[in-house]
């Protein structure tokens, strides 16, 4: 019974790690897209969001965050990629760097935006 209970607890911990990371990566994609629209760095915006979540603290590293401007479906936008560590060594088919999570946020800038009002 103890083995089953430990499996259940550690499985739930990994599931929560995936859910929290997915939420944060989606928010990082939104922040990157918004930063690009207002003229700031999308990479810095995504990193600032992901700094709040650090699964890699025991290794002394930062959360690996990749931001790219890409085309998905019918629109351009920012794609953010990061990894979630997976702590069970019995899963040899999982990459040692963890499982990659990807999020996308559409982005559009208007070159001929009128000045004045909220645009200033």
PDB file of N, CA and C in Angstrom:
ATOM      1  N   UNK A   1       0.821  -1.189   0.000  1.00  0.00           N
ATOM      2  CA  UNK A   1       0.000   0.000   0.000  1.00  0.00           C
ATOM      3  C   UNK A   1       0.869   1.259   0.000  1.00  0.00           C
ATOM      4  N   UNK A   2       2.004   1.201   0.714  1.00  0.00           N
ATOM      5  CA  UNK A   2       2.884   2.372   0.791  1.00  0.00           C
ATOM      6  C   UNK A   2       3.469   2.713  -0.585  1.00  0.00           C
ATOM      7  N   UNK A   3       3.824   1.696  -1.368  1.00  0.00           N
ATOM      8  CA  UNK A   3       4.340   1.930  -2.716  1.00  0.00           C
ATOM      9  C   UNK A   3       3.327   2.636  -3.599  1.00  0.00           C
ATOM     10  N   UNK A   4       2.091   2.198  -3.535  1.00  0.00           N
ATOM     11  CA  UNK A   4       1.031   2.831  -4.314  1.00  0.00           C
ATOM     12  C   UNK A   4       0.817   4.267  -3.875  1.00  0.00           C
ATOM     13  N   UNK A   5       0.845   4.513  -2.579  1.00  0.00           N
ATOM     14  CA  UNK A   5       0.658   5.861  -2.053  1.00  0.00           C
ATOM     15  C   UNK A   5       1.786   6.790  -2.510  1.00  0.00           C
ATOM     16  N   UNK A   6       3.019   6.320  -2.466  1.00  0.00           N
ATOM     17  CA  UNK A   6       4.148   7.138  -2.935  1.00  0.00           C
ATOM     18  C   UNK A   6       4.042   7.415  -4.433  1.00  0.00           C
ATOM     19  N   UNK A   7       3.661   6.418  -5.206  1.00  0.00           N
ATOM     20  CA  UNK A   7       3.469   6.611  -6.637  1.00  0.00           C
ATOM     21  C   UNK A   7       2.393   7.662  -6.891  1.00  0.00           C
ATOM     22  N   UNK A   8       1.312   7.605  -6.157  1.00  0.00           N
ATOM     23  CA  UNK A   8       0.230   8.570  -6.297  1.00  0.00           C
ATOM     24  C   UNK A   8       0.699   9.982  -5.929  1.00  0.00           C
ATOM     25  N   UNK A   9       1.432  10.121  -4.847  1.00  0.00           N
ATOM     26  CA  UNK A   9       1.901  11.441  -4.398  1.00  0.00           C
ATOM     27  C   UNK A   9       2.868  12.045  -5.415  1.00  0.00           C
ATOM     28  N   UNK A  10       3.870  11.259  -5.846  1.00  0.00           N
ATOM     29  CA  UNK A  10       4.846  11.792  -6.800  1.00  0.00           C
ATOM     30  C   UNK A  10       4.227  12.035  -8.170  1.00  0.00           C
ATOM     31  N   UNK A  11       3.280  11.215  -8.558  1.00  0.00           N
ATOM     32  CA  UNK A  11       2.561  11.452  -9.809  1.00  0.00           C
ATOM     33  C   UNK A  11       1.769  12.742  -9.758  1.00  0.00           C
ATOM     34  N   UNK A  12       1.119  12.996  -8.638  1.00  0.00           N
ATOM     35  CA  UNK A  12       0.369  14.233  -8.475  1.00  0.00           C
ATOM     36  C   UNK A  12       1.297  15.448  -8.465  1.00  0.00           C
ATOM     37  N   UNK A  13       2.465  15.304  -7.850  1.00  0.00           N
ATOM     38  CA  UNK A  13       3.440  16.412  -7.845  1.00  0.00           C
ATOM     39  C   UNK A  13       3.864  16.761  -9.270  1.00  0.00           C
ATOM     40  N   UNK A  14       4.138  15.758 -10.094  1.00  0.00           N
ATOM     41  CA  UNK A  14       4.539  16.031 -11.468  1.00  0.00           C
ATOM     42  C   UNK A  14       3.389  16.636 -12.267  1.00  0.00           C
ATOM     43  N   UNK A  15       2.198  16.169 -12.049  1.00  0.00           N
ATOM     44  CA  UNK A  15       1.038  16.724 -12.739  1.00  0.00           C
ATOM     45  C   UNK A  15       0.857  18.196 -12.390  1.00  0.00           C
ATOM     46  N   UNK A  16       1.024  18.547 -11.130  1.00  0.00           N
ATOM     47  CA  UNK A  16       0.909  19.945 -10.706  1.00  0.00           C
ATOM     48  C   UNK A  16       2.041  20.781 -11.314  1.00  0.00           C
ATOM     49  N   UNK A  17       3.253  20.234 -11.359  1.00  0.00           N
ATOM     50  CA  UNK A  17       4.365  20.947 -11.993  1.00  0.00           C
ATOM     51  C   UNK A  17       4.046  21.253 -13.455  1.00  0.00           C
ATOM     52  N   UNK A  18       3.492  20.290 -14.172  1.00  0.00           N
ATOM     53  CA  UNK A  18       3.132  20.511 -15.570  1.00  0.00           C
ATOM     54  C   UNK A  18       2.049  21.574 -15.705  1.00  0.00           C
ATOM     55  N   UNK A  19       1.032  21.505 -14.875  1.00  0.00           N
ATOM     56  CA  UNK A  19      -0.076  22.459 -14.955  1.00  0.00           C
ATOM     57  C   UNK A  19       0.389  23.882 -14.641  1.00  0.00           C
ATOM     58  N   UNK A  20       1.174  24.044 -13.601  1.00  0.00           N
ATOM     59  CA  UNK A  20       1.662  25.372 -13.223  1.00  0.00           C
ATOM     60  C   UNK A  20       2.590  25.916 -14.305  1.00  0.00           C
ATOM     61  N   UNK A  21       3.463  25.081 -14.826  1.00  0.00           N
ATOM     62  CA  UNK A  21       4.385  25.537 -15.862  1.00  0.00           C
ATOM     63  C   UNK A  21       3.628  25.898 -17.134  1.00  0.00           C
ATOM     64  N   UNK A  22       2.630  25.130 -17.491  1.00  0.00           N
ATOM     65  CA  UNK A  22       1.823  25.449 -18.680  1.00  0.00           C
ATOM     66  C   UNK A  22       1.148  26.803 -18.519  1.00  0.00           C
ATOM     67  N   UNK A  23       0.592  27.070 -17.357  1.00  0.00           N
ATOM     68  CA  UNK A  23      -0.039  28.354 -17.098  1.00  0.00           C
ATOM     69  C   UNK A  23       0.980  29.493 -17.209  1.00  0.00           C
ATOM     70  N   UNK A  24       2.154  29.322 -16.611  1.00  0.00           N
ATOM     71  CA  UNK A  24       3.172  30.369 -16.618  1.00  0.00           C
ATOM     72  C   UNK A  24       3.742  30.593 -18.028  1.00  0.00           C
ATOM     73  N   UNK A  25       3.898  29.529 -18.810  1.00  0.00           N
ATOM     74  CA  UNK A  25       4.408  29.679 -20.176  1.00  0.00           C
ATOM     75  C   UNK A  25       3.378  30.398 -21.044  1.00  0.00           C
ATOM     76  N   UNK A  26       2.112  30.117 -20.840  1.00  0.00           N
ATOM     77  CA  UNK A  26       1.068  30.828 -21.573  1.00  0.00           C
ATOM     78  C   UNK A  26       1.091  32.316 -21.214  1.00  0.00           C
ATOM     79  N   UNK A  27       1.255  32.626 -19.945  1.00  0.00           N
ATOM     80  CA  UNK A  27       1.345  34.021 -19.526  1.00  0.00           C
ATOM     81  C   UNK A  27       2.622  34.676 -20.062  1.00  0.00           C
ATOM     82  N   UNK A  28       3.728  33.920 -20.119  1.00  0.00           N
ATOM     83  CA  UNK A  28       4.977  34.453 -20.666  1.00  0.00           C
ATOM     84  C   UNK A  28       4.824  34.779 -22.152  1.00  0.00           C
ATOM     85  N   UNK A  29       4.085  33.947 -22.899  1.00  0.00           N
ATOM     86  CA  UNK A  29       3.832  34.223 -24.314  1.00  0.00           C
ATOM     87  C   UNK A  29       3.006  35.498 -24.462  1.00  0.00           C
ATOM     88  N   UNK A  30       1.994  35.665 -23.617  1.00  0.00           N
ATOM     89  CA  UNK A  30       1.200  36.886 -23.637  1.00  0.00           C
ATOM     90  C   UNK A  30       2.071  38.107 -23.324  1.00  0.00           C
ATOM     91  N   UNK A  31       2.934  37.995 -22.304  1.00  0.00           N
ATOM     92  CA  UNK A  31       3.800  39.105 -21.920  1.00  0.00           C
ATOM     93  C   UNK A  31       4.790  39.440 -23.036  1.00  0.00           C
ATOM     94  N   UNK A  32       5.324  38.424 -23.713  1.00  0.00           N
ATOM     95  CA  UNK A  32       6.246  38.655 -24.824  1.00  0.00           C
ATOM     96  C   UNK A  32       5.543  39.368 -25.972  1.00  0.00           C
ATOM     97  N   UNK A  33       4.334  38.924 -26.284  1.00  0.00           N
ATOM     98  CA  UNK A  33       3.566  39.540 -27.359  1.00  0.00           C
ATOM     99  C   UNK A  33       3.233  40.993 -27.028  1.00  0.00           C
ATOM    100  N   UNK A  34       2.808  41.244 -25.818  1.00  0.00           N
ATOM    101  CA  UNK A  34       2.472  42.601 -25.406  1.00  0.00           C
ATOM    102  C   UNK A  34       3.699  43.497 -25.393  1.00  0.00           C
ATOM    103  N   UNK A  35       4.819  42.976 -24.919  1.00  0.00           N
ATOM    104  CA  UNK A  35       6.052  43.761 -24.884  1.00  0.00           C
ATOM    105  C   UNK A  35       6.475  44.155 -26.295  1.00  0.00           C
ATOM    106  N   UNK A  36       6.335  43.236 -27.244  1.00  0.00           N
ATOM    107  CA  UNK A  36       6.698  43.544 -28.630  1.00  0.00           C
ATOM    108  C   UNK A  36       5.793  44.624 -29.215  1.00  0.00           C
ATOM    109  N   UNK A  37       4.508  44.566 -28.896  1.00  0.00           N
ATOM    110  CA  UNK A  37       3.557  45.541 -29.422  1.00  0.00           C
ATOM    111  C   UNK A  37       3.861  46.946 -28.900  1.00  0.00           C
ATOM    112  N   UNK A  38       4.268  47.054 -27.651  1.00  0.00           N
ATOM    113  CA  UNK A  38       4.546  48.381 -27.085  1.00  0.00           C
ATOM    114  C   UNK A  38       6.004  48.803 -27.254  1.00  0.00           C
ATOM    115  N   UNK A  39       6.817  47.978 -27.948  1.00  0.00           N
ATOM    116  CA  UNK A  39       8.175  48.374 -28.284  1.00  0.00           C
ATOM    117  C   UNK A  39       9.263  47.928 -27.322  1.00  0.00           C
ATOM    118  N   UNK A  40       8.988  46.950 -26.494  1.00  0.00           N
ATOM    119  CA  UNK A  40       9.994  46.437 -25.566  1.00  0.00           C
ATOM    120  C   UNK A  40      10.473  45.061 -26.016  1.00  0.00           C
ATOM    121  N   UNK A  41      11.400  44.491 -25.263  1.00  0.00           N
ATOM    122  CA  UNK A  41      11.991  43.202 -25.621  1.00  0.00           C
ATOM    123  C   UNK A  41      11.078  42.040 -25.217  1.00  0.00           C
ATOM    124  N   UNK A  42      10.647  41.226 -26.187  1.00  0.00           N
ATOM    125  CA  UNK A  42       9.821  40.054 -25.854  1.00  0.00           C
ATOM    126  C   UNK A  42      10.582  39.041 -25.009  1.00  0.00           C
ATOM    127  N   UNK A  43      11.870  38.865 -25.272  1.00  0.00           N
ATOM    128  CA  UNK A  43      12.682  37.907 -24.520  1.00  0.00           C
ATOM    129  C   UNK A  43      12.748  38.289 -23.045  1.00  0.00           C
ATOM    130  N   UNK A  44      13.002  39.566 -22.773  1.00  0.00           N
ATOM    131  CA  UNK A  44      13.086  40.013 -21.374  1.00  0.00           C
ATOM    132  C   UNK A  44      11.745  39.891 -20.658  1.00  0.00           C
ATOM    133  N   UNK A  45      10.659  40.171 -21.377  1.00  0.00           N
ATOM    134  CA  UNK A  45       9.328  40.056 -20.772  1.00  0.00           C
ATOM    135  C   UNK A  45       9.019  38.605 -20.404  1.00  0.00           C
ATOM    136  N   UNK A  46       9.318  37.678 -21.312  1.00  0.00           N
ATOM    137  CA  UNK A  46       9.064  36.257 -21.033  1.00  0.00           C
ATOM    138  C   UNK A  46       9.953  35.761 -19.898  1.00  0.00           C
ATOM    139  N   UNK A  47      11.202  36.180 -19.884  1.00  0.00           N
ATOM    140  CA  UNK A  47      12.103  35.768 -18.807  1.00  0.00           C
ATOM    141  C   UNK A  47      11.652  36.317 -17.461  1.00  0.00           C
ATOM    142  N   UNK A  48      11.126  37.539 -17.452  1.00  0.00           N
ATOM    143  CA  UNK A  48      10.645  38.134 -16.200  1.00  0.00           C
ATOM    144  C   UNK A  48       9.480  37.329 -15.632  1.00  0.00           C
ATOM    145  N   UNK A  49       8.602  36.850 -16.497  1.00  0.00           N
ATOM    146  CA  UNK A  49       7.488  36.016 -16.039  1.00  0.00           C
ATOM    147  C   UNK A  49       7.999  34.681 -15.522  1.00  0.00           C
ATOM    148  N   UNK A  50       8.892  34.065 -16.265  1.00  0.00           N
ATOM    149  CA  UNK A  50       9.371  32.730 -15.890  1.00  0.00           C
ATOM    150  C   UNK A  50      10.324  32.755 -14.702  1.00  0.00           C
ATOM    151  N   UNK A  51      10.860  33.929 -14.345  1.00  0.00           N
ATOM    152  CA  UNK A  51      11.698  34.024 -13.147  1.00  0.00           C
ATOM    153  C   UNK A  51      10.905  33.728 -11.879  1.00  0.00           C
ATOM    154  N   UNK A  52       9.590  33.860 -11.953  1.00  0.00           N
ATOM    155  CA  UNK A  52       8.741  33.561 -10.800  1.00  0.00           C
ATOM    156  C   UNK A  52       8.596  32.064 -10.562  1.00  0.00           C
ATOM    157  N   UNK A  53       9.041  31.275 -11.509  1.00  0.00           N
ATOM    158  CA  UNK A  53       8.900  29.827 -11.449  1.00  0.00           C
ATOM    159  C   UNK A  53      10.263  29.222 -11.747  1.00  0.00           C
ATOM    160  N   UNK A  54      10.857  28.564 -10.788  1.00  0.00           N
ATOM    161  CA  UNK A  54      12.200  28.041 -11.018  1.00  0.00           C
ATOM    162  C   UNK A  54      12.297  26.601 -10.544  1.00  0.00           C
ATOM    163  N   UNK A  55      12.051  25.679 -11.460  1.00  0.00           N
ATOM    164  CA  UNK A  55      12.183  24.269 -11.131  1.00  0.00           C
ATOM    165  C   UNK A  55      13.641  23.840 -11.130  1.00  0.00           C
ATOM    166  N   UNK A  56      14.535  24.677 -11.650  1.00  0.00           N
ATOM    167  CA  UNK A  56      15.943  24.320 -11.810  1.00  0.00           C
ATOM    168  C   UNK A  56      16.801  24.901 -10.694  1.00  0.00           C
ATOM    169  N   UNK A  57      16.231  25.339  -9.592  1.00  0.00           N
ATOM    170  CA  UNK A  57      16.975  26.022  -8.524  1.00  0.00           C
ATOM    171  C   UNK A  57      18.049  25.132  -7.908  1.00  0.00           C
ATOM    172  N   UNK A  58      17.798  23.841  -7.809  1.00  0.00           N
ATOM    173  CA  UNK A  58      18.783  22.956  -7.187  1.00  0.00           C
ATOM    174  C   UNK A  58      20.043  22.808  -8.041  1.00  0.00           C
ATOM    175  N   UNK A  59      19.938  23.089  -9.323  1.00  0.00           N
ATOM    176  CA  UNK A  59      21.093  23.017 -10.207  1.00  0.00           C
ATOM    177  C   UNK A  59      21.766  24.371 -10.369  1.00  0.00           C
ATOM    178  N   UNK A  60      21.264  25.395  -9.688  1.00  0.00           N
ATOM    179  CA  UNK A  60      21.853  26.725  -9.756  1.00  0.00           C
ATOM    180  C   UNK A  60      21.587  27.450 -11.059  1.00  0.00           C
ATOM    181  N   UNK A  61      20.717  26.915 -11.871  1.00  0.00           N
ATOM    182  CA  UNK A  61      20.445  27.534 -13.167  1.00  0.00           C
ATOM    183  C   UNK A  61      19.125  28.263 -13.190  1.00  0.00           C
ATOM    184  N   UNK A  62      18.936  29.009 -14.248  1.00  0.00           N
ATOM    185  CA  UNK A  62      17.674  29.711 -14.439  1.00  0.00           C
ATOM    186  C   UNK A  62      16.747  28.854 -15.288  1.00  0.00           C
ATOM    187  N   UNK A  63      15.487  29.208 -15.259  1.00  0.00           N
ATOM    188  CA  UNK A  63      14.504  28.511 -16.079  1.00  0.00           C
ATOM    189  C   UNK A  63      14.846  28.766 -17.551  1.00  0.00           C
ATOM    190  N   UNK A  64      15.112  27.731 -18.344  1.00  0.00           N
ATOM    191  CA  UNK A  64      15.441  27.949 -19.754  1.00  0.00           C
ATOM    192  C   UNK A  64      14.204  28.423 -20.522  1.00  0.00           C
ATOM    193  N   UNK A  65      14.304  29.594 -21.146  1.00  0.00           N
ATOM    194  CA  UNK A  65      13.175  30.180 -21.862  1.00  0.00           C
ATOM    195  C   UNK A  65      13.625  30.548 -23.272  1.00  0.00           C
ATOM    196  N   UNK A  66      12.915  30.055 -24.273  1.00  0.00           N
ATOM    197  CA  UNK A  66      13.184  30.398 -25.668  1.00  0.00           C
ATOM    198  C   UNK A  66      11.975  31.146 -26.212  1.00  0.00           C
ATOM    199  N   UNK A  67      12.213  32.307 -26.814  1.00  0.00           N
ATOM    200  CA  UNK A  67      11.140  33.109 -27.399  1.00  0.00           C
ATOM    201  C   UNK A  67      11.425  33.277 -28.884  1.00  0.00           C
ATOM    202  N   UNK A  68      10.418  33.031 -29.716  1.00  0.00           N
ATOM    203  CA  UNK A  68      10.599  33.206 -31.159  1.00  0.00           C
ATOM    204  C   UNK A  68       9.329  33.802 -31.766  1.00  0.00           C
ATOM    205  N   UNK A  69       9.539  34.614 -32.802  1.00  0.00           N
ATOM    206  CA  UNK A  69       8.428  35.177 -33.568  1.00  0.00           C
ATOM    207  C   UNK A  69       8.131  34.202 -34.684  1.00  0.00           C
ATOM    208  N   UNK A  70       6.912  33.713 -34.749  1.00  0.00           N
ATOM    209  CA  UNK A  70       6.603  32.628 -35.679  1.00  0.00           C
ATOM    210  C   UNK A  70       5.197  32.776 -36.249  1.00  0.00           C
ATOM    211  N   UNK A  71       4.886  31.969 -37.229  1.00  0.00           N
ATOM    212  CA  UNK A  71       3.575  31.949 -37.864  1.00  0.00           C
ATOM    213  C   UNK A  71       2.856  30.678 -37.465  1.00  0.00           C
ATOM    214  N   UNK A  72       1.665  30.808 -36.905  1.00  0.00           N
ATOM    215  CA  UNK A  72       0.847  29.652 -36.523  1.00  0.00           C
ATOM    216  C   UNK A  72      -0.550  29.834 -37.103  1.00  0.00           C
ATOM    217  N   UNK A  73      -0.981  28.868 -37.841  1.00  0.00           N
ATOM    218  CA  UNK A  73      -2.346  28.917 -38.369  1.00  0.00           C
ATOM    219  C   UNK A  73      -2.551  30.062 -39.338  1.00  0.00           C
ATOM    220  N   UNK A  74      -3.200  31.127 -38.865  1.00  0.00           N
ATOM    221  CA  UNK A  74      -3.486  32.266 -39.733  1.00  0.00           C
ATOM    222  C   UNK A  74      -2.872  33.558 -39.222  1.00  0.00           C
ATOM    223  N   UNK A  75      -2.035  33.481 -38.202  1.00  0.00           N
ATOM    224  CA  UNK A  75      -1.506  34.717 -37.628  1.00  0.00           C
ATOM    225  C   UNK A  75      -0.064  34.563 -37.172  1.00  0.00           C
ATOM    226  N   UNK A  76       0.606  35.701 -37.093  1.00  0.00           N
ATOM    227  CA  UNK A  76       1.945  35.733 -36.531  1.00  0.00           C
ATOM    228  C   UNK A  76       1.858  35.992 -35.036  1.00  0.00           C
ATOM    229  N   UNK A  77       2.860  35.555 -34.314  1.00  0.00           N
ATOM    230  CA  UNK A  77       2.865  35.795 -32.880  1.00  0.00           C
ATOM    231  C   UNK A  77       4.141  35.280 -32.245  1.00  0.00           C
ATOM    232  N   UNK A  78       4.144  35.267 -30.940  1.00  0.00           N
ATOM    233  CA  UNK A  78       5.322  34.856 -30.181  1.00  0.00           C
ATOM    234  C   UNK A  78       5.085  33.491 -29.546  1.00  0.00           C
ATOM    235  N   UNK A  79       6.078  32.638 -29.745  1.00  0.00           N
ATOM    236  CA  UNK A  79       6.046  31.303 -29.184  1.00  0.00           C
ATOM    237  C   UNK A  79       7.101  31.227 -28.088  1.00  0.00           C
ATOM    238  N   UNK A  80       6.707  30.725 -26.942  1.00  0.00           N
ATOM    239  CA  UNK A  80       7.625  30.578 -25.809  1.00  0.00           C
ATOM    240  C   UNK A  80       7.752  29.101 -25.497  1.00  0.00           C
ATOM    241  N   UNK A  81       8.998  28.669 -25.308  1.00  0.00           N
ATOM    242  CA  UNK A  81       9.283  27.264 -24.994  1.00  0.00           C
ATOM    243  C   UNK A  81      10.103  27.194 -23.713  1.00  0.00           C
ATOM    244  N   UNK A  82       9.768  26.235 -22.872  1.00  0.00           N
ATOM    245  CA  UNK A  82      10.557  25.966 -21.675  1.00  0.00           C
ATOM    246  C   UNK A  82      10.439  24.485 -21.355  1.00  0.00           C
ATOM    247  N   UNK A  83      11.156  24.053 -20.356  1.00  0.00           N
ATOM    248  CA  UNK A  83      11.149  22.636 -19.986  1.00  0.00           C
ATOM    249  C   UNK A  83      10.754  22.458 -18.524  1.00  0.00           C
ATOM    250  N   UNK A  84      10.108  21.334 -18.251  1.00  0.00           N
ATOM    251  CA  UNK A  84       9.765  20.937 -16.888  1.00  0.00           C
ATOM    252  C   UNK A  84      10.628  19.732 -16.550  1.00  0.00           C
ATOM    253  N   UNK A  85      11.380  19.791 -15.456  1.00  0.00           N
ATOM    254  CA  UNK A  85      12.200  18.623 -15.112  1.00  0.00           C
ATOM    255  C   UNK A  85      11.313  17.440 -14.733  1.00  0.00           C
ATOM    256  N   UNK A  86      11.780  16.263 -15.025  1.00  0.00           N
ATOM    257  CA  UNK A  86      11.047  15.052 -14.676  1.00  0.00           C
ATOM    258  C   UNK A  86      11.956  14.223 -13.798  1.00  0.00           C
ATOM    259  N   UNK A  87      11.598  14.044 -12.534  1.00  0.00           N
ATOM    260  CA  UNK A  87      12.516  13.525 -11.545  1.00  0.00           C
ATOM    261  C   UNK A  87      12.603  12.029 -11.364  1.00  0.00           C
ATOM    262  N   UNK A  88      11.931  11.246 -12.155  1.00  0.00           N
ATOM    263  CA  UNK A  88      11.993   9.798 -11.955  1.00  0.00           C
ATOM    264  C   UNK A  88      12.976   9.188 -12.950  1.00  0.00           C
ATOM    265  N   UNK A  89      14.083   8.631 -12.478  1.00  0.00           N
ATOM    266  CA  UNK A  89      15.075   8.068 -13.405  1.00  0.00           C
ATOM    267  C   UNK A  89      14.631   6.782 -14.082  1.00  0.00           C
ATOM    268  N   UNK A  90      13.502   6.221 -13.687  1.00  0.00           N
ATOM    269  CA  UNK A  90      13.061   4.974 -14.306  1.00  0.00           C
ATOM    270  C   UNK A  90      12.516   5.199 -15.711  1.00  0.00           C
ATOM    271  N   UNK A  91      12.225   6.439 -16.061  1.00  0.00           N
ATOM    272  CA  UNK A  91      11.697   6.743 -17.381  1.00  0.00           C
ATOM    273  C   UNK A  91      12.856   7.096 -18.313  1.00  0.00           C
ATOM    274  N   UNK A  92      13.467   6.115 -18.930  1.00  0.00           N
ATOM    275  CA  UNK A  92      14.623   6.346 -19.783  1.00  0.00           C
ATOM    276  C   UNK A  92      14.257   7.034 -21.090  1.00  0.00           C
ATOM    277  N   UNK A  93      13.022   6.981 -21.526  1.00  0.00           N
ATOM    278  CA  UNK A  93      12.619   7.572 -22.790  1.00  0.00           C
ATOM    279  C   UNK A  93      12.355   9.063 -22.677  1.00  0.00           C
ATOM    280  N   UNK A  94      12.395   9.626 -21.475  1.00  0.00           N
ATOM    281  CA  UNK A  94      12.195  11.066 -21.289  1.00  0.00           C
ATOM    282  C   UNK A  94      13.547  11.754 -21.333  1.00  0.00           C
ATOM    283  N   UNK A  95      13.631  12.853 -22.066  1.00  0.00           N
ATOM    284  CA  UNK A  95      14.857  13.633 -22.192  1.00  0.00           C
ATOM    285  C   UNK A  95      15.355  14.048 -20.811  1.00  0.00           C
ATOM    286  N   UNK A  96      16.653  13.920 -20.528  1.00  0.00           N
ATOM    287  CA  UNK A  96      17.174  14.294 -19.205  1.00  0.00           C
ATOM    288  C   UNK A  96      16.940  15.764 -18.846  1.00  0.00           C
ATOM    289  N   UNK A  97      16.744  16.613 -19.860  1.00  0.00           N
ATOM    290  CA  UNK A  97      16.488  18.030 -19.588  1.00  0.00           C
ATOM    291  C   UNK A  97      15.031  18.299 -19.244  1.00  0.00           C
ATOM    292  N   UNK A  98      14.194  17.309 -19.298  1.00  0.00           N
ATOM    293  CA  UNK A  98      12.791  17.483 -18.944  1.00  0.00           C
ATOM    294  C   UNK A  98      11.878  17.426 -20.155  1.00  0.00           C
ATOM    295  N   UNK A  99      10.637  17.762 -19.926  1.00  0.00           N
ATOM    296  CA  UNK A  99       9.610  17.733 -20.964  1.00  0.00           C
ATOM    297  C   UNK A  99       9.336  19.157 -21.415  1.00  0.00           C
ATOM    298  N   UNK A 100       9.334  19.377 -22.729  1.00  0.00           N
ATOM    299  CA  UNK A 100       9.157  20.725 -23.261  1.00  0.00           C
ATOM    300  C   UNK A 100       7.686  21.131 -23.272  1.00  0.00           C
ATOM    301  N   UNK A 101       7.442  22.373 -22.865  1.00  0.00           N
ATOM    302  CA  UNK A 101       6.100  22.946 -22.897  1.00  0.00           C
ATOM    303  C   UNK A 101       6.153  24.190 -23.773  1.00  0.00           C
ATOM    304  N   UNK A 102       5.190  24.312 -24.686  1.00  0.00           N
ATOM    305  CA  UNK A 102       5.178  25.394 -25.668  1.00  0.00           C
ATOM    306  C   UNK A 102       3.855  26.147 -25.571  1.00  0.00           C
ATOM    307  N   UNK A 103       3.935  27.483 -25.673  1.00  0.00           N
ATOM    308  CA  UNK A 103       2.730  28.316 -25.699  1.00  0.00           C
ATOM    309  C   UNK A 103       2.879  29.356 -26.806  1.00  0.00           C
ATOM    310  N   UNK A 104       1.760  29.824 -27.337  1.00  0.00           N
ATOM    311  CA  UNK A 104       1.753  30.790 -28.436  1.00  0.00           C
ATOM    312  C   UNK A 104       0.768  31.900 -28.123  1.00  0.00           C
ATOM    313  N   UNK A 105       1.168  33.149 -28.415  1.00  0.00           N
ATOM    314  CA  UNK A 105       0.270  34.294 -28.277  1.00  0.00           C
ATOM    315  C   UNK A 105       0.351  35.116 -29.556  1.00  0.00           C
ATOM    316  N   UNK A 106      -0.790  35.388 -30.194  1.00  0.00           N
ATOM    317  CA  UNK A 106      -0.761  36.173 -31.431  1.00  0.00           C
ATOM    318  C   UNK A 106      -0.328  37.609 -31.160  1.00  0.00           C
ATOM    319  N   UNK A 107       0.286  38.204 -32.170  1.00  0.00           N
ATOM    320  CA  UNK A 107       0.776  39.573 -32.024  1.00  0.00           C
ATOM    321  C   UNK A 107       0.644  40.291 -33.355  1.00  0.00           C
ATOM    322  N   UNK A 108       0.217  41.536 -33.299  1.00  0.00           N
ATOM    323  CA  UNK A 108       0.097  42.333 -34.515  1.00  0.00           C
ATOM    324  C   UNK A 108       0.433  43.772 -34.177  1.00  0.00           C
ATOM    325  N   UNK A 109       1.346  44.340 -34.944  1.00  0.00           N
ATOM    326  CA  UNK A 109       1.663  45.755 -34.769  1.00  0.00           C
ATOM    327  C   UNK A 109       1.174  46.508 -35.988  1.00  0.00           C
ATOM    328  N   UNK A 110       0.719  47.699 -35.767  1.00  0.00           N
ATOM    329  CA  UNK A 110       0.183  48.527 -36.831  1.00  0.00           C
ATOM    330  C   UNK A 110       1.204  49.614 -37.130  1.00  0.00           C
ATOM    331  N   UNK A 111       1.782  49.581 -38.341  1.00  0.00           N
ATOM    332  CA  UNK A 111       2.829  50.533 -38.694  1.00  0.00           C
ATOM    333  C   UNK A 111       2.314  51.964 -38.815  1.00  0.00           C
ATOM    334  N   UNK A 112       1.116  52.133 -39.281  1.00  0.00           N
ATOM    335  CA  UNK A 112       0.576  53.486 -39.503  1.00  0.00           C
ATOM    336  C   UNK A 112      -0.451  53.869 -38.436  1.00  0.00           C
ATOM    337  N   UNK A 113      -0.178  53.496 -37.186  1.00  0.00           N
ATOM    338  CA  UNK A 113      -1.099  53.806 -36.096  1.00  0.00           C
ATOM    339  C   UNK A 113      -1.157  55.309 -35.879  1.00  0.00           C
ATOM    340  N   UNK A 114      -2.354  55.868 -35.756  1.00  0.00           N
ATOM    341  CA  UNK A 114      -2.459  57.317 -35.522  1.00  0.00           C
ATOM    342  C   UNK A 114      -1.917  57.676 -34.149  1.00  0.00           C
ATOM    343  N   UNK A 115      -1.390  58.877 -34.051  1.00  0.00           N
ATOM    344  CA  UNK A 115      -0.875  59.318 -32.748  1.00  0.00           C
ATOM    345  C   UNK A 115      -1.990  60.048 -31.995  1.00  0.00           C
ATOM    346  N   UNK A 116      -1.798  60.147 -30.692  1.00  0.00           N
ATOM    347  CA  UNK A 116      -2.781  60.808 -29.858  1.00  0.00           C
ATOM    348  C   UNK A 116      -3.609  59.796 -29.093  1.00  0.00           C
ATOM    349  N   UNK A 117      -4.248  60.243 -28.046  1.00  0.00           N
ATOM    350  CA  UNK A 117      -5.067  59.359 -27.247  1.00  0.00           C
ATOM    351  C   UNK A 117      -4.250  58.292 -26.558  1.00  0.00           C
ATOM    352  N   UNK A 118      -4.711  57.076 -26.625  1.00  0.00           N
ATOM    353  CA  UNK A 118      -4.020  55.963 -25.967  1.00  0.00           C
ATOM    354  C   UNK A 118      -2.761  55.510 -26.724  1.00  0.00           C
ATOM    355  N   UNK A 119      -2.557  55.992 -27.932  1.00  0.00           N
ATOM    356  CA  UNK A 119      -1.401  55.563 -28.721  1.00  0.00           C
ATOM    357  C   UNK A 119      -0.120  56.308 -28.348  1.00  0.00           C
ATOM    358  N   UNK A 120      -0.190  57.296 -27.502  1.00  0.00           N
ATOM    359  CA  UNK A 120       1.007  58.033 -27.095  1.00  0.00           C
ATOM    360  C   UNK A 120       1.557  57.517 -25.798  1.00  0.00           C
TER     361      UNK A 120
END
